[in-house]
PDB file of N, CA and C in Angstrom:
ATOM      1  N   MET A   1       8.504  22.549   6.184  1.00  0.00           N
ATOM      2  CA  MET A   1       8.059  21.257   5.718  1.00  0.00           C
ATOM      3  C   MET A   1       8.819  20.156   6.460  1.00  0.00           C
ATOM      4  N   SER A   2       8.101  19.134   6.843  1.00  0.00           N
ATOM      5  CA  SER A   2       8.682  18.050   7.618  1.00  0.00           C
ATOM      6  C   SER A   2       9.439  17.081   6.713  1.00  0.00           C
ATOM      7  N   ASN A   3      10.520  16.515   7.238  1.00  0.00           N
ATOM      8  CA  ASN A   3      11.304  15.529   6.499  1.00  0.00           C
ATOM      9  C   ASN A   3      10.923  14.107   6.883  1.00  0.00           C
ATOM     10  N   GLN A   4       9.854  13.952   7.661  1.00  0.00           N
ATOM     11  CA  GLN A   4       9.437  12.627   8.090  1.00  0.00           C
ATOM     12  C   GLN A   4       8.806  11.858   6.939  1.00  0.00           C
ATOM     13  N   LEU A   5       8.991  10.540   6.966  1.00  0.00           N
ATOM     14  CA  LEU A   5       8.374   9.676   5.968  1.00  0.00           C
ATOM     15  C   LEU A   5       6.876   9.574   6.241  1.00  0.00           C
ATOM     16  N   PRO A   6       6.044   9.462   5.189  1.00  0.00           N
ATOM     17  CA  PRO A   6       4.598   9.317   5.392  1.00  0.00           C
ATOM     18  C   PRO A   6       4.285   8.010   6.123  1.00  0.00           C
ATOM     19  N   THR A   7       3.353   8.083   7.047  1.00  0.00           N
ATOM     20  CA  THR A   7       2.983   6.927   7.862  1.00  0.00           C
ATOM     21  C   THR A   7       1.627   6.366   7.438  1.00  0.00           C
ATOM     22  N   ILE A   8       1.296   5.215   7.995  1.00  0.00           N
ATOM     23  CA  ILE A   8       0.000   4.601   7.722  1.00  0.00           C
ATOM     24  C   ILE A   8      -1.124   5.582   8.045  1.00  0.00           C
ATOM     25  N   LYS A   9      -1.048   6.249   9.196  1.00  0.00           N
ATOM     26  CA  LYS A   9      -2.140   7.140   9.586  1.00  0.00           C
ATOM     27  C   LYS A   9      -2.250   8.369   8.689  1.00  0.00           C
ATOM     28  N   ASP A  10      -1.144   8.778   8.048  1.00  0.00           N
ATOM     29  CA  ASP A  10      -1.175   9.932   7.153  1.00  0.00           C
ATOM     30  C   ASP A  10      -2.063   9.689   5.927  1.00  0.00           C
ATOM     31  N   TYR A  11      -2.137   8.444   5.472  1.00  0.00           N
ATOM     32  CA  TYR A  11      -2.863   8.115   4.243  1.00  0.00           C
ATOM     33  C   TYR A  11      -4.031   7.157   4.461  1.00  0.00           C
ATOM     34  N   PHE A  12      -4.312   6.807   5.712  1.00  0.00           N
ATOM     35  CA  PHE A  12      -5.308   5.788   6.053  1.00  0.00           C
ATOM     36  C   PHE A  12      -6.638   6.008   5.327  1.00  0.00           C
ATOM     37  N   LYS A  13      -6.976   5.080   4.451  1.00  0.00           N
ATOM     38  CA  LYS A  13      -8.227   5.036   3.687  1.00  0.00           C
ATOM     39  C   LYS A  13      -8.461   6.250   2.794  1.00  0.00           C
ATOM     40  N   GLN A  14      -7.444   7.065   2.574  1.00  0.00           N
ATOM     41  CA  GLN A  14      -7.582   8.197   1.666  1.00  0.00           C
ATOM     42  C   GLN A  14      -7.067   7.852   0.272  1.00  0.00           C
ATOM     43  N   TYR A  15      -6.136   6.924   0.200  1.00  0.00           N
ATOM     44  CA  TYR A  15      -5.523   6.506  -1.055  1.00  0.00           C
ATOM     45  C   TYR A  15      -5.399   4.994  -1.061  1.00  0.00           C
ATOM     46  N   ASP A  16      -5.182   4.420  -2.248  1.00  0.00           N
ATOM     47  CA  ASP A  16      -4.858   3.004  -2.331  1.00  0.00           C
ATOM     48  C   ASP A  16      -3.384   2.826  -2.004  1.00  0.00           C
ATOM     49  N   LEU A  17      -3.066   1.728  -1.393  1.00  0.00           N
ATOM     50  CA  LEU A  17      -1.683   1.377  -1.119  1.00  0.00           C
ATOM     51  C   LEU A  17      -1.376   0.177  -2.016  1.00  0.00           C
ATOM     52  N   ASN A  18      -0.701   0.447  -3.127  1.00  0.00           N
ATOM     53  CA  ASN A  18      -0.445  -0.557  -4.149  1.00  0.00           C
ATOM     54  C   ASN A  18       0.828  -1.328  -3.832  1.00  0.00           C
ATOM     55  N   ILE A  19       0.701  -2.650  -3.824  1.00  0.00           N
ATOM     56  CA  ILE A  19       1.823  -3.532  -3.514  1.00  0.00           C
ATOM     57  C   ILE A  19       2.156  -4.320  -4.775  1.00  0.00           C
ATOM     58  N   SER A  20       3.418  -4.285  -5.180  1.00  0.00           N
ATOM     59  CA  SER A  20       3.857  -4.993  -6.377  1.00  0.00           C
ATOM     60  C   SER A  20       5.053  -5.866  -6.048  1.00  0.00           C
ATOM     61  N   CYS A  21       5.096  -7.025  -6.698  1.00  0.00           N
ATOM     62  CA  CYS A  21       6.265  -7.892  -6.602  1.00  0.00           C
ATOM     63  C   CYS A  21       6.912  -7.901  -7.973  1.00  0.00           C
ATOM     64  N   TYR A  22       8.145  -7.429  -8.032  1.00  0.00           N
ATOM     65  CA  TYR A  22       8.845  -7.360  -9.306  1.00  0.00           C
ATOM     66  C   TYR A  22       9.487  -8.681  -9.704  1.00  0.00           C
ATOM     67  N   GLN A  23       9.393  -9.683  -8.824  1.00  0.00           N
ATOM     68  CA  GLN A  23       9.927 -11.000  -9.165  1.00  0.00           C
ATOM     69  C   GLN A  23       8.895 -11.817  -9.944  1.00  0.00           C
ATOM     70  N   CYS A  24       7.628 -11.791  -9.502  1.00  0.00           N
ATOM     71  CA  CYS A  24       6.597 -12.599 -10.174  1.00  0.00           C
ATOM     72  C   CYS A  24       5.498 -11.745 -10.819  1.00  0.00           C
ATOM     73  N   ASN A  25       5.628 -10.431 -10.742  1.00  0.00           N
ATOM     74  CA  ASN A  25       4.689  -9.481 -11.347  1.00  0.00           C
ATOM     75  C   ASN A  25       3.298  -9.478 -10.714  1.00  0.00           C
ATOM     76  N   ARG A  26       3.180  -9.902  -9.487  1.00  0.00           N
ATOM     77  CA  ARG A  26       1.900  -9.849  -8.788  1.00  0.00           C
ATOM     78  C   ARG A  26       1.648  -8.418  -8.312  1.00  0.00           C
ATOM     79  N   ASN A  27       0.394  -7.976  -8.401  1.00  0.00           N
ATOM     80  CA  ASN A  27      -0.013  -6.667  -7.914  1.00  0.00           C
ATOM     81  C   ASN A  27      -1.237  -6.832  -7.033  1.00  0.00           C
ATOM     82  N   ALA A  28      -1.305  -6.037  -5.979  1.00  0.00           N
ATOM     83  CA  ALA A  28      -2.450  -6.083  -5.070  1.00  0.00           C
ATOM     84  C   ALA A  28      -2.615  -4.711  -4.420  1.00  0.00           C
ATOM     85  N   VAL A  29      -3.771  -4.504  -3.824  1.00  0.00           N
ATOM     86  CA  VAL A  29      -4.030  -3.286  -3.054  1.00  0.00           C
ATOM     87  C   VAL A  29      -4.148  -3.708  -1.594  1.00  0.00           C
ATOM     88  N   ALA A  30      -3.387  -3.052  -0.734  1.00  0.00           N
ATOM     89  CA  ALA A  30      -3.379  -3.407   0.689  1.00  0.00           C
ATOM     90  C   ALA A  30      -4.709  -3.077   1.352  1.00  0.00           C
ATOM     91  N   ASP A  31      -5.032  -3.830   2.361  1.00  0.00           N
ATOM     92  CA  ASP A  31      -6.224  -3.615   3.181  1.00  0.00           C
ATOM     93  C   ASP A  31      -5.826  -2.712   4.346  1.00  0.00           C
ATOM     94  N   TRP A  32      -6.340  -1.485   4.347  1.00  0.00           N
ATOM     95  CA  TRP A  32      -5.983  -0.517   5.392  1.00  0.00           C
ATOM     96  C   TRP A  32      -6.329  -1.021   6.789  1.00  0.00           C
ATOM     97  N   ASP A  33      -7.494  -1.655   6.934  1.00  0.00           N
ATOM     98  CA  ASP A  33      -7.899  -2.136   8.256  1.00  0.00           C
ATOM     99  C   ASP A  33      -6.926  -3.186   8.786  1.00  0.00           C
ATOM    100  N   MET A  34      -6.473  -4.081   7.901  1.00  0.00           N
ATOM    101  CA  MET A  34      -5.500  -5.098   8.306  1.00  0.00           C
ATOM    102  C   MET A  34      -4.183  -4.434   8.725  1.00  0.00           C
ATOM    103  N   LEU A  35      -3.749  -3.422   7.961  1.00  0.00           N
ATOM    104  CA  LEU A  35      -2.506  -2.733   8.310  1.00  0.00           C
ATOM    105  C   LEU A  35      -2.600  -2.075   9.681  1.00  0.00           C
ATOM    106  N   ALA A  36      -3.738  -1.428   9.951  1.00  0.00           N
ATOM    107  CA  ALA A  36      -3.922  -0.751  11.230  1.00  0.00           C
ATOM    108  C   ALA A  36      -3.950  -1.751  12.382  1.00  0.00           C
ATOM    109  N   GLU A  37      -4.492  -2.942  12.118  1.00  0.00           N
ATOM    110  CA  GLU A  37      -4.532  -3.995  13.138  1.00  0.00           C
ATOM    111  C   GLU A  37      -3.148  -4.585  13.387  1.00  0.00           C
ATOM    112  N   ARG A  38      -2.416  -4.781  12.317  1.00  0.00           N
ATOM    113  CA  ARG A  38      -1.134  -5.497  12.385  1.00  0.00           C
ATOM    114  C   ARG A  38       0.041  -4.612  12.783  1.00  0.00           C
ATOM    115  N   PHE A  39       0.004  -3.331  12.410  1.00  0.00           N
ATOM    116  CA  PHE A  39       1.131  -2.438  12.640  1.00  0.00           C
ATOM    117  C   PHE A  39       0.684  -1.198  13.406  1.00  0.00           C
ATOM    118  N   ASP A  40       1.618  -0.578  14.053  1.00  0.00           N
ATOM    119  CA  ASP A  40       1.397   0.736  14.660  1.00  0.00           C
ATOM    120  C   ASP A  40       1.130   1.705  13.512  1.00  0.00           C
ATOM    121  N   THR A  41       0.116   2.547  13.613  1.00  0.00           N
ATOM    122  CA  THR A  41      -0.221   3.458  12.515  1.00  0.00           C
ATOM    123  C   THR A  41       0.819   4.562  12.329  1.00  0.00           C
ATOM    124  N   ASN A  42       1.789   4.653  13.230  1.00  0.00           N
ATOM    125  CA  ASN A  42       2.886   5.608  13.072  1.00  0.00           C
ATOM    126  C   ASN A  42       4.044   5.034  12.249  1.00  0.00           C
ATOM    127  N   VAL A  43       3.918   3.780  11.811  1.00  0.00           N
ATOM    128  CA  VAL A  43       4.966   3.142  11.011  1.00  0.00           C
ATOM    129  C   VAL A  43       5.009   3.806   9.631  1.00  0.00           C
ATOM    130  N   PRO A  44       6.193   4.222   9.184  1.00  0.00           N
ATOM    131  CA  PRO A  44       6.293   4.769   7.824  1.00  0.00           C
ATOM    132  C   PRO A  44       5.946   3.713   6.773  1.00  0.00           C
ATOM    133  N   ILE A  45       5.176   4.114   5.787  1.00  0.00           N
ATOM    134  CA  ILE A  45       4.750   3.193   4.732  1.00  0.00           C
ATOM    135  C   ILE A  45       5.957   2.555   4.049  1.00  0.00           C
ATOM    136  N   GLN A  46       7.004   3.306   3.820  1.00  0.00           N
ATOM    137  CA  GLN A  46       8.205   2.796   3.163  1.00  0.00           C
ATOM    138  C   GLN A  46       8.805   1.616   3.932  1.00  0.00           C
ATOM    139  N   LYS A  47       8.705   1.618   5.245  1.00  0.00           N
ATOM    140  CA  LYS A  47       9.272   0.536   6.054  1.00  0.00           C
ATOM    141  C   LYS A  47       8.476  -0.764   5.918  1.00  0.00           C
ATOM    142  N   LEU A  48       7.226  -0.685   5.440  1.00  0.00           N
ATOM    143  CA  LEU A  48       6.437  -1.898   5.247  1.00  0.00           C
ATOM    144  C   LEU A  48       7.071  -2.813   4.199  1.00  0.00           C
ATOM    145  N   GLU A  49       7.795  -2.231   3.248  1.00  0.00           N
ATOM    146  CA  GLU A  49       8.460  -3.040   2.224  1.00  0.00           C
ATOM    147  C   GLU A  49       9.422  -4.049   2.851  1.00  0.00           C
ATOM    148  N   LYS A  50       9.977  -3.722   3.998  1.00  0.00           N
ATOM    149  CA  LYS A  50      10.946  -4.606   4.648  1.00  0.00           C
ATOM    150  C   LYS A  50      10.273  -5.800   5.339  1.00  0.00           C
ATOM    151  N   VAL A  51       8.972  -5.707   5.623  1.00  0.00           N
ATOM    152  CA  VAL A  51       8.291  -6.793   6.327  1.00  0.00           C
ATOM    153  C   VAL A  51       7.306  -7.555   5.439  1.00  0.00           C
ATOM    154  N   TYR A  52       6.945  -6.992   4.300  1.00  0.00           N
ATOM    155  CA  TYR A  52       6.016  -7.657   3.388  1.00  0.00           C
ATOM    156  C   TYR A  52       6.719  -8.739   2.600  1.00  0.00           C
ATOM    157  N   LYS A  53       6.020  -9.854   2.385  1.00  0.00           N
ATOM    158  CA  LYS A  53       6.469 -10.914   1.489  1.00  0.00           C
ATOM    159  C   LYS A  53       5.367 -11.137   0.469  1.00  0.00           C
ATOM    160  N   CYS A  54       5.766 -11.450  -0.743  1.00  0.00           N
ATOM    161  CA  CYS A  54       4.796 -11.749  -1.787  1.00  0.00           C
ATOM    162  C   CYS A  54       4.073 -13.049  -1.430  1.00  0.00           C
ATOM    163  N   SER A  55       2.750 -13.029  -1.544  1.00  0.00           N
ATOM    164  CA  SER A  55       1.983 -14.231  -1.203  1.00  0.00           C
ATOM    165  C   SER A  55       2.029 -15.280  -2.313  1.00  0.00           C
ATOM    166  N   VAL A  56       2.571 -14.946  -3.466  1.00  0.00           N
ATOM    167  CA  VAL A  56       2.669 -15.896  -4.564  1.00  0.00           C
ATOM    168  C   VAL A  56       4.048 -16.565  -4.590  1.00  0.00           C
ATOM    169  N   CYS A  57       5.117 -15.750  -4.671  1.00  0.00           N
ATOM    170  CA  CYS A  57       6.465 -16.326  -4.806  1.00  0.00           C
ATOM    171  C   CYS A  57       7.274 -16.268  -3.514  1.00  0.00           C
ATOM    172  N   ASN A  58       6.714 -15.651  -2.470  1.00  0.00           N
ATOM    173  CA  ASN A  58       7.329 -15.560  -1.144  1.00  0.00           C
ATOM    174  C   ASN A  58       8.568 -14.657  -1.092  1.00  0.00           C
ATOM    175  N   SER A  59       8.787 -13.873  -2.146  1.00  0.00           N
ATOM    176  CA  SER A  59       9.934 -12.968  -2.162  1.00  0.00           C
ATOM    177  C   SER A  59       9.680 -11.788  -1.222  1.00  0.00           C
ATOM    178  N   SER A  60      10.702 -11.408  -0.501  1.00  0.00           N
ATOM    179  CA  SER A  60      10.617 -10.191   0.308  1.00  0.00           C
ATOM    180  C   SER A  60      11.505  -9.103  -0.288  1.00  0.00           C
ATOM    181  N   GLU A  61      12.406  -9.500  -1.164  1.00  0.00           N
ATOM    182  CA  GLU A  61      13.345  -8.557  -1.768  1.00  0.00           C
ATOM    183  C   GLU A  61      12.731  -7.751  -2.905  1.00  0.00           C
ATOM    184  N   ALA A  62      11.716  -8.289  -3.586  1.00  0.00           N
ATOM    185  CA  ALA A  62      11.183  -7.653  -4.789  1.00  0.00           C
ATOM    186  C   ALA A  62       9.890  -6.874  -4.542  1.00  0.00           C
ATOM    187  N   VAL A  63       9.444  -6.795  -3.310  1.00  0.00           N
ATOM    188  CA  VAL A  63       8.178  -6.121  -3.001  1.00  0.00           C
ATOM    189  C   VAL A  63       8.380  -4.613  -2.927  1.00  0.00           C
ATOM    190  N   ARG A  64       7.493  -3.877  -3.605  1.00  0.00           N
ATOM    191  CA  ARG A  64       7.490  -2.411  -3.569  1.00  0.00           C
ATOM    192  C   ARG A  64       6.088  -1.936  -3.234  1.00  0.00           C
ATOM    193  N   ILE A  65       6.005  -0.900  -2.429  1.00  0.00           N
ATOM    194  CA  ILE A  65       4.716  -0.344  -2.013  1.00  0.00           C
ATOM    195  C   ILE A  65       4.664   1.112  -2.450  1.00  0.00           C
ATOM    196  N   ARG A  66       3.565   1.476  -3.107  1.00  0.00           N
ATOM    197  CA  ARG A  66       3.384   2.841  -3.593  1.00  0.00           C
ATOM    198  C   ARG A  66       1.986   3.336  -3.233  1.00  0.00           C
ATOM    199  N   ILE A  67       1.903   4.614  -2.943  1.00  0.00           N
ATOM    200  CA  ILE A  67       0.623   5.248  -2.648  1.00  0.00           C
ATOM    201  C   ILE A  67       0.015   5.690  -3.974  1.00  0.00           C
ATOM    202  N   GLY A  68      -1.250   5.359  -4.198  1.00  0.00           N
ATOM    203  CA  GLY A  68      -1.912   5.715  -5.452  1.00  0.00           C
ATOM    204  C   GLY A  68      -3.304   6.271  -5.210  1.00  0.00           C
ATOM    205  N   LEU A  69      -3.891   6.770  -6.260  1.00  0.00           N
ATOM    206  CA  LEU A  69      -5.246   7.293  -6.173  1.00  0.00           C
ATOM    207  C   LEU A  69      -6.220   6.166  -5.903  1.00  0.00           C
ATOM    208  N   ARG A  70      -7.263   6.459  -5.170  1.00  0.00           N
ATOM    209  CA  ARG A  70      -8.304   5.462  -4.917  1.00  0.00           C
ATOM    210  C   ARG A  70      -9.063   5.203  -6.202  1.00  0.00           C
ATOM    211  N   THR A  71      -9.429   3.974  -6.432  1.00  0.00           N
ATOM    212  CA  THR A  71     -10.240   3.616  -7.583  1.00  0.00           C
ATOM    213  C   THR A  71     -11.667   4.056  -7.307  1.00  0.00           C
ATOM    214  N   PRO A  72     -12.250   4.909  -8.175  1.00  0.00           N
ATOM    215  CA  PRO A  72     -13.613   5.370  -7.918  1.00  0.00           C
ATOM    216  C   PRO A  72     -14.620   4.239  -8.083  1.00  0.00           C
ATOM    217  N   PRO A  73     -15.744   4.313  -7.367  1.00  0.00           N
ATOM    218  CA  PRO A  73     -16.779   3.298  -7.525  1.00  0.00           C
ATOM    219  C   PRO A  73     -17.289   3.297  -8.956  1.00  0.00           C
ATOM    220  N   SER A  74     -17.763   2.159  -9.413  1.00  0.00           N
ATOM    221  CA  SER A  74     -18.303   2.046 -10.764  1.00  0.00           C
ATOM    222  C   SER A  74     -19.396   3.087 -10.993  1.00  0.00           C
ATOM    223  N   GLY A  75     -19.315   3.799 -12.096  1.00  0.00           N
ATOM    224  CA  GLY A  75     -20.338   4.800 -12.417  1.00  0.00           C
ATOM    225  C   GLY A  75     -20.063   6.158 -11.796  1.00  0.00           C
ATOM    226  N   ALA A  76     -18.936   6.330 -11.116  1.00  0.00           N
ATOM    227  CA  ALA A  76     -18.650   7.602 -10.459  1.00  0.00           C
ATOM    228  C   ALA A  76     -18.411   8.718 -11.466  1.00  0.00           C
ATOM    229  N   TYR A  77     -18.003   8.355 -12.673  1.00  0.00           N
ATOM    230  CA  TYR A  77     -17.755   9.344 -13.714  1.00  0.00           C
ATOM    231  C   TYR A  77     -18.622   9.035 -14.927  1.00  0.00           C
ATOM    232  N   PRO A  78     -19.929   9.297 -14.850  1.00  0.00           N
ATOM    233  CA  PRO A  78     -20.835   8.893 -15.940  1.00  0.00           C
ATOM    234  C   PRO A  78     -20.585   9.611 -17.258  1.00  0.00           C
ATOM    235  N   ASN A  79     -19.942  10.776 -17.239  1.00  0.00           N
ATOM    236  CA  ASN A  79     -19.716  11.529 -18.482  1.00  0.00           C
ATOM    237  C   ASN A  79     -18.357  11.263 -19.099  1.00  0.00           C
ATOM    238  N   HIS A  80     -17.635  10.291 -18.579  1.00  0.00           N
ATOM    239  CA  HIS A  80     -16.280  10.028 -19.093  1.00  0.00           C
ATOM    240  C   HIS A  80     -16.229   8.673 -19.745  1.00  0.00           C
TER     241      HIS A  80
END
């Protein structure tokens, strides 16, 4: 098993990339296409926390990025 950190290309469009600011409680889901345009896809996702700033309070210290399940389209689970 590899000890490398997961990169943008490892999770590209397979999962949501949830961005949270613990200073102002803002939450957002990253745009994969923008990330691929702006960064090398070999960049570890964890390192994005060091370059992201909250668009509301401008904090860079309180931003956390987590990989999460994709939100299914509306009606994807009609029996639930």
